[in-house]
Amino acid sequence: MSNRVLIGHGTENDFVVLPDPDGVLWPESRLDAAMVARLCERRAGLGGDGVLRVVRSVHVPDAPAVLGDDLARCEWFMDHRNADGSLAEMCGNGIRLFLHVLVTEGLLDRSACTDGVWVGTRGGPRRVGAGADGVYWVDMGPAREFGSGSAELAGRRFDGLAVSMGNPHLACLTDADLDALDLATPPRFDAALFPEGVNVELITVLRAASEGADAHIRLRVHERGVGETRSCGTGACAAAYAALVAGGTSAGTVVVDVPGGRLTVDVGPDTTVLRGPAVVVAAGELTPEWLAG
């Protein structure tokens, strides 16, 4: 078994990446919840918001169930786990990094990715592509509103829209000072509305419209199974949708500033497209000493 690992991020939403094209280097028995948590631990491990295993779909046991008839067109599967070891459905920052790794590892030619390639996720198939400017884009699917709810943080209530991007979000627009909020403690939420947990976005509108965009917003997010992250791709999409709805529409382009950088979201009636960078920071080997610990 190879102990080779990569570290990368998309707008500072960072991941430990495990190249495993043929599904033999990091099988399910090796990549259990305890191993994921150790890899993601920021002092005793490598550090990351999650783990991405780069593997062909045919080697993922649950891929047929989550992809159905789309299994054949998804050669690659983003096997994504949160920092606590739980399985994750979808991550917009992670899937851009996933494609970047496929390209930099020589598993796909960048020129073949211009129009997008299909990647399997536990949230369903996603089409992701590489722009000539080094920016990656991903078709995130439609933003699906499924009600309204609230989150409680430090005794303060934040009302928001429940939005599914393949995973659940509570997108809360607020005039609170985002910098003053403590997101170290998980927000309280309605477990009946979100039985599998929820990512909570706290959003301020900077401008109702800006040059080339219909809105410009700022975002902080607490991700289930992780905590506060520097960026969240699905969260940016949910936040963009909520900001547009608050402005009286459900379609448009939104610039989203997150602590780790800037993303752009195009929200349409049938789908949502997320654009942003992806970077591999380092590559190396896990040592026998650490693995034996």
Protein backbone atom coordinates (compact mmCIF):
# COMPACT_ATOMS: atom_id res chain seq x y z
CA MET A 1 0.00 0.00 0.00
CA SER A 2 1.25 3.48 -0.87
CA ASN A 3 1.44 6.11 1.86
CA ARG A 4 1.58 8.99 -0.62
CA VAL A 5 -0.61 11.97 0.23
CA LEU A 6 -1.34 15.43 -1.14
CA ILE A 7 -2.46 18.59 0.65
CA GLY A 8 -4.56 21.12 -1.23
CA HIS A 9 -7.33 23.67 -0.92
CA GLY A 10 -10.01 25.66 -2.70
CA THR A 11 -10.23 29.17 -1.21
CA GLU A 12 -8.57 27.72 1.92
CA ASN A 13 -11.15 24.96 2.39
CA ASP A 14 -8.37 22.40 2.78
CA PHE A 15 -8.17 18.66 2.29
CA VAL A 16 -5.92 15.68 2.62
CA VAL A 17 -6.03 14.06 -0.83
CA LEU A 18 -5.34 10.36 -1.30
CA PRO A 19 -4.56 9.28 -4.88
CA ASP A 20 -6.02 5.77 -5.21
CA PRO A 21 -7.13 5.29 -8.84
CA ASP A 22 -7.63 1.53 -8.63
CA GLY A 23 -9.08 1.40 -5.12
CA VAL A 24 -6.34 -0.76 -3.60
CA LEU A 25 -4.21 1.76 -1.68
CA TRP A 26 -6.89 3.12 0.65
CA PRO A 27 -9.69 0.54 0.88
CA GLU A 28 -12.64 1.07 3.20
CA SER A 29 -10.99 -1.10 5.86
CA ARG A 30 -7.99 1.26 5.97
CA LEU A 31 -9.77 4.59 5.54
CA ASP A 32 -12.03 4.26 8.56
CA ALA A 33 -13.33 7.13 10.68
CA ALA A 34 -10.39 6.96 13.08
CA MET A 35 -7.85 7.22 10.25
CA VAL A 36 -9.70 10.15 8.67
CA ALA A 37 -9.79 11.98 12.00
CA ARG A 38 -6.05 11.38 12.50
CA LEU A 39 -5.20 12.64 9.01
CA CYS A 40 -7.28 15.80 9.51
CA GLU A 41 -6.01 16.60 13.02
CA ARG A 42 -4.10 19.88 12.72
CA ARG A 43 -1.47 19.26 15.39
CA ALA A 44 -0.80 15.53 15.37
CA GLY A 45 -1.81 14.86 11.76
CA LEU A 46 -1.64 16.59 8.40
CA GLY A 47 -4.57 18.93 9.00
CA GLY A 48 -7.63 19.47 6.86
CA ASP A 49 -11.37 20.05 6.72
CA GLY A 50 -11.76 16.61 5.21
CA VAL A 51 -10.29 13.79 3.13
CA LEU A 52 -10.75 13.28 -0.61
CA ARG A 53 -9.92 9.86 -2.05
CA VAL A 54 -9.30 10.03 -5.81
CA VAL A 55 -10.68 6.72 -7.07
CA ARG A 56 -12.51 5.28 -10.06
CA SER A 57 -16.24 4.83 -9.45
CA VAL A 58 -16.16 1.09 -10.13
CA HIS A 59 -14.06 0.63 -6.99
CA VAL A 60 -16.44 2.46 -4.62
CA PRO A 61 -18.92 0.06 -2.98
CA ASP A 62 -21.79 2.51 -2.68
CA ALA A 63 -21.26 4.27 -6.03
CA PRO A 64 -23.88 2.20 -7.92
CA ALA A 65 -26.51 3.07 -5.33
CA VAL A 66 -25.83 6.83 -5.31
CA LEU A 67 -25.19 7.22 -9.06
CA GLY A 68 -27.70 4.75 -10.53
CA ASP A 69 -27.83 4.99 -14.33
CA ASP A 70 -25.14 7.70 -14.24
CA LEU A 71 -22.47 5.27 -13.01
CA ALA A 72 -21.20 4.53 -16.53
CA ARG A 73 -20.49 8.18 -17.39
CA CYS A 74 -18.70 8.91 -14.10
CA GLU A 75 -15.28 7.30 -14.44
CA TRP A 76 -14.07 9.07 -11.29
CA PHE A 77 -15.63 9.30 -7.84
CA MET A 78 -14.91 11.92 -5.18
CA ASP A 79 -14.87 9.76 -2.05
CA HIS A 80 -15.26 12.61 0.45
CA ARG A 81 -15.18 12.30 4.24
CA ASN A 82 -15.59 15.09 6.80
CA ALA A 83 -12.89 15.69 9.38
CA ASP A 84 -14.78 13.58 11.93
CA GLY A 85 -14.78 10.60 9.55
CA SER A 86 -18.42 10.87 8.47
CA LEU A 87 -19.27 10.53 4.79
CA ALA A 88 -20.09 13.75 2.95
CA GLU A 89 -22.38 14.09 -0.05
CA MET A 90 -20.85 16.99 -1.94
CA CYS A 91 -18.30 19.81 -1.68
CA GLY A 92 -17.90 22.52 -4.30
CA ASN A 93 -14.39 23.47 -3.20
CA GLY A 94 -13.38 19.85 -2.85
CA ILE A 95 -14.54 18.80 -6.30
CA ARG A 96 -12.58 21.62 -7.95
CA LEU A 97 -9.49 20.42 -6.10
CA PHE A 98 -10.40 16.85 -7.10
CA LEU A 99 -10.30 17.76 -10.80
CA HIS A 100 -7.10 19.76 -10.30
CA VAL A 101 -5.47 16.65 -8.80
CA LEU A 102 -6.68 14.47 -11.69
CA VAL A 103 -4.98 16.92 -14.05
CA THR A 104 -1.75 17.43 -12.09
CA GLU A 105 -1.39 13.68 -11.45
CA GLY A 106 -1.69 13.00 -15.20
CA LEU A 107 -4.93 11.06 -14.87
CA LEU A 108 -6.79 13.53 -17.12
CA ASP A 109 -5.56 15.97 -19.75
CA ARG A 110 -6.50 19.56 -18.89
CA SER A 111 -7.51 20.29 -22.49
CA ALA A 112 -10.07 17.49 -22.27
CA CYS A 113 -11.71 19.19 -19.27
CA THR A 114 -12.67 22.48 -20.94
CA ASP A 115 -16.27 21.43 -21.51
CA GLY A 116 -16.41 19.52 -18.25
CA VAL A 117 -16.12 15.91 -17.15
CA TRP A 118 -18.57 13.96 -15.02
CA VAL A 119 -17.49 13.07 -11.49
CA GLY A 120 -19.47 10.89 -9.12
CA THR A 121 -20.26 12.10 -5.61
CA ARG A 122 -22.58 10.87 -2.88
CA GLY A 123 -24.76 13.85 -3.80
CA GLY A 124 -25.05 12.52 -7.36
CA PRO A 125 -23.10 13.14 -10.58
CA ARG A 126 -21.49 16.56 -11.04
CA ARG A 127 -19.92 18.10 -14.15
CA VAL A 128 -16.70 19.96 -13.39
CA GLY A 129 -14.36 21.74 -15.79
CA ALA A 130 -11.08 23.61 -16.10
CA GLY A 131 -10.92 27.15 -17.43
CA ALA A 132 -7.97 28.49 -19.41
CA ASP A 133 -7.28 31.02 -16.64
CA GLY A 134 -6.61 28.36 -14.04
CA VAL A 135 -10.05 28.74 -12.47
CA TYR A 136 -12.20 25.63 -12.14
CA TRP A 137 -15.97 25.50 -12.44
CA VAL A 138 -18.52 22.97 -11.30
CA ASP A 139 -22.18 22.49 -12.18
CA MET A 140 -23.60 22.10 -8.70
CA GLY A 141 -27.15 21.26 -9.72
CA PRO A 142 -30.18 23.31 -8.73
CA ALA A 143 -30.59 25.04 -5.40
CA ARG A 144 -33.69 23.44 -3.88
CA GLU A 145 -35.49 25.38 -1.19
CA PHE A 146 -37.28 23.12 1.30
CA GLY A 147 -38.61 25.46 3.95
CA SER A 148 -37.39 27.95 6.49
CA GLY A 149 -35.78 27.56 9.86
CA SER A 150 -33.55 29.20 12.39
CA ALA A 151 -30.23 28.70 14.12
CA GLU A 152 -29.23 29.85 17.57
CA LEU A 153 -25.71 31.08 18.21
CA ALA A 154 -24.56 32.57 21.52
CA GLY A 155 -28.17 33.13 22.52
CA ARG A 156 -29.04 34.98 19.31
CA ARG A 157 -31.51 33.66 16.76
CA PHE A 158 -30.78 33.75 13.03
CA ASP A 159 -33.62 33.03 10.61
CA GLY A 160 -32.88 31.54 7.22
CA LEU A 161 -33.86 29.47 4.19
CA ALA A 162 -33.42 25.71 4.15
CA VAL A 163 -31.63 24.96 0.88
CA SER A 164 -30.40 21.66 -0.50
CA MET A 165 -27.33 21.58 -2.72
CA GLY A 166 -27.15 17.80 -2.48
CA ASN A 167 -26.43 18.43 1.20
CA PRO A 168 -28.50 20.50 3.66
CA HIS A 169 -27.95 24.20 4.37
CA LEU A 170 -29.56 26.90 6.48
CA ALA A 171 -28.71 30.20 4.77
CA CYS A 172 -29.27 33.10 7.17
CA LEU A 173 -29.08 36.71 6.01
CA THR A 174 -28.19 39.04 8.86
CA ASP A 175 -27.03 42.56 9.61
CA ALA A 176 -24.88 41.28 12.50
CA ASP A 177 -21.15 41.95 12.53
CA LEU A 178 -19.84 38.67 11.12
CA ASP A 179 -16.40 39.24 12.60
CA ALA A 180 -17.85 39.41 16.11
CA LEU A 181 -19.60 36.01 15.90
CA ASP A 182 -18.09 32.96 17.57
CA LEU A 183 -18.60 29.92 15.35
CA ALA A 184 -16.39 27.63 17.42
CA THR A 185 -19.53 26.23 19.07
CA PRO A 186 -21.97 24.45 16.73
CA PRO A 187 -25.16 26.49 16.23
CA ARG A 188 -28.37 24.99 17.54
CA PHE A 189 -30.96 24.12 14.87
CA ASP A 190 -34.26 22.34 14.29
CA ALA A 191 -33.41 18.63 14.21
CA ALA A 192 -36.83 17.82 12.75
CA LEU A 193 -36.10 19.98 9.70
CA PHE A 194 -32.48 18.80 9.47
CA PRO A 195 -32.43 15.20 10.76
CA GLU A 196 -28.95 14.56 9.33
CA GLY A 197 -27.48 17.85 10.54
CA VAL A 198 -26.97 21.06 8.59
CA ASN A 199 -24.37 23.53 7.37
CA VAL A 200 -25.22 26.97 8.72
CA GLU A 201 -24.33 30.06 6.66
CA LEU A 202 -24.33 33.58 8.12
CA ILE A 203 -24.52 36.11 5.30
CA THR A 204 -24.33 39.86 4.90
CA VAL A 205 -25.14 41.63 1.65
CA LEU A 206 -22.32 44.04 0.77
CA ARG A 207 -24.01 45.39 -2.36
CA ALA A 208 -27.29 44.53 -3.99
CA ALA A 209 -25.45 44.68 -7.30
CA SER A 210 -21.85 45.16 -8.36
CA GLU A 211 -20.01 45.33 -11.66
CA GLY A 212 -20.78 42.16 -13.59
CA ALA A 213 -22.87 40.68 -10.77
CA ASP A 214 -26.37 40.95 -9.41
CA ALA A 215 -25.21 40.85 -5.78
CA HIS A 216 -22.07 40.81 -3.67
CA ILE A 217 -22.19 39.03 -0.32
CA ARG A 218 -19.93 38.02 2.53
CA LEU A 219 -20.17 34.65 4.21
CA ARG A 220 -19.09 32.68 7.26
CA VAL A 221 -20.10 29.05 7.65
CA HIS A 222 -20.19 26.29 10.25
CA GLU A 223 -20.06 22.91 8.50
CA ARG A 224 -21.54 19.82 10.09
CA GLY A 225 -18.90 17.29 11.04
CA VAL A 226 -16.12 19.88 10.68
CA GLY A 227 -16.77 23.21 12.42
CA GLU A 228 -16.13 26.63 10.95
CA THR A 229 -14.25 26.44 7.65
CA ARG A 230 -12.50 29.10 5.62
CA SER A 231 -14.80 28.40 2.68
CA CYS A 232 -17.68 26.14 1.66
CA GLY A 233 -18.62 25.71 -1.99
CA THR A 234 -22.10 24.31 -1.47
CA GLY A 235 -22.59 26.92 1.25
CA ALA A 236 -21.61 29.70 -1.16
CA CYS A 237 -24.24 28.43 -3.60
CA ALA A 238 -26.93 28.23 -0.93
CA ALA A 239 -25.99 31.71 0.32
CA ALA A 240 -26.06 33.15 -3.21
CA TYR A 241 -29.51 31.67 -3.78
CA ALA A 242 -30.82 33.06 -0.46
CA ALA A 243 -29.43 36.52 -1.24
CA LEU A 244 -31.11 36.57 -4.65
CA VAL A 245 -34.43 35.40 -3.18
CA ALA A 246 -34.23 38.17 -0.59
CA GLY A 247 -33.78 40.61 -3.47
CA GLY A 248 -36.91 39.37 -5.21
CA THR A 249 -35.43 36.98 -7.77
CA SER A 250 -34.12 33.42 -7.92
CA ALA A 251 -31.56 33.75 -10.71
CA GLY A 252 -28.43 35.81 -11.24
CA THR A 253 -24.71 36.08 -10.60
CA VAL A 254 -23.41 36.56 -7.07
CA VAL A 255 -19.87 37.34 -5.92
CA VAL A 256 -19.22 35.56 -2.62
CA ASP A 257 -16.42 36.61 -0.27
CA VAL A 258 -15.41 33.93 2.21
CA PRO A 259 -12.56 34.10 4.76
CA GLY A 260 -10.38 32.12 2.35
CA GLY A 261 -10.95 34.18 -0.79
CA ARG A 262 -13.57 34.87 -3.43
CA LEU A 263 -15.99 32.66 -5.36
CA THR A 264 -18.52 33.41 -8.08
CA VAL A 265 -21.90 31.69 -8.27
CA ASP A 266 -24.25 31.72 -11.25
CA VAL A 267 -27.74 30.74 -10.12
CA GLY A 268 -30.19 29.71 -12.84
CA PRO A 269 -33.64 28.14 -12.90
CA ASP A 270 -32.25 24.66 -13.55
CA THR A 271 -28.75 24.63 -12.10
CA THR A 272 -26.03 26.51 -10.22
CA VAL A 273 -22.43 26.98 -11.38
CA LEU A 274 -19.61 27.67 -8.92
CA ARG A 275 -16.27 29.14 -10.04
CA GLY A 276 -13.04 29.47 -8.09
CA PRO A 277 -9.41 28.40 -7.73
CA ALA A 278 -7.85 25.11 -6.60
CA VAL A 279 -4.28 24.59 -5.40
CA VAL A 280 -2.11 21.61 -4.46
CA VAL A 281 0.16 22.80 -1.66
CA ALA A 282 2.36 19.78 -0.99
CA ALA A 283 2.95 16.11 -1.72
CA GLY A 284 4.68 13.60 0.52
CA GLU A 285 4.65 10.24 2.30
CA LEU A 286 3.13 9.23 5.60
CA THR A 287 5.90 7.80 7.76
CA PRO A 288 5.76 4.31 9.31
CA GLU A 289 6.29 6.03 12.67
CA TRP A 290 3.09 8.06 12.31
CA LEU A 291 1.09 5.16 10.90
CA ALA A 292 2.09 2.99 13.83
CA GLY A 293 1.03 5.63 16.35
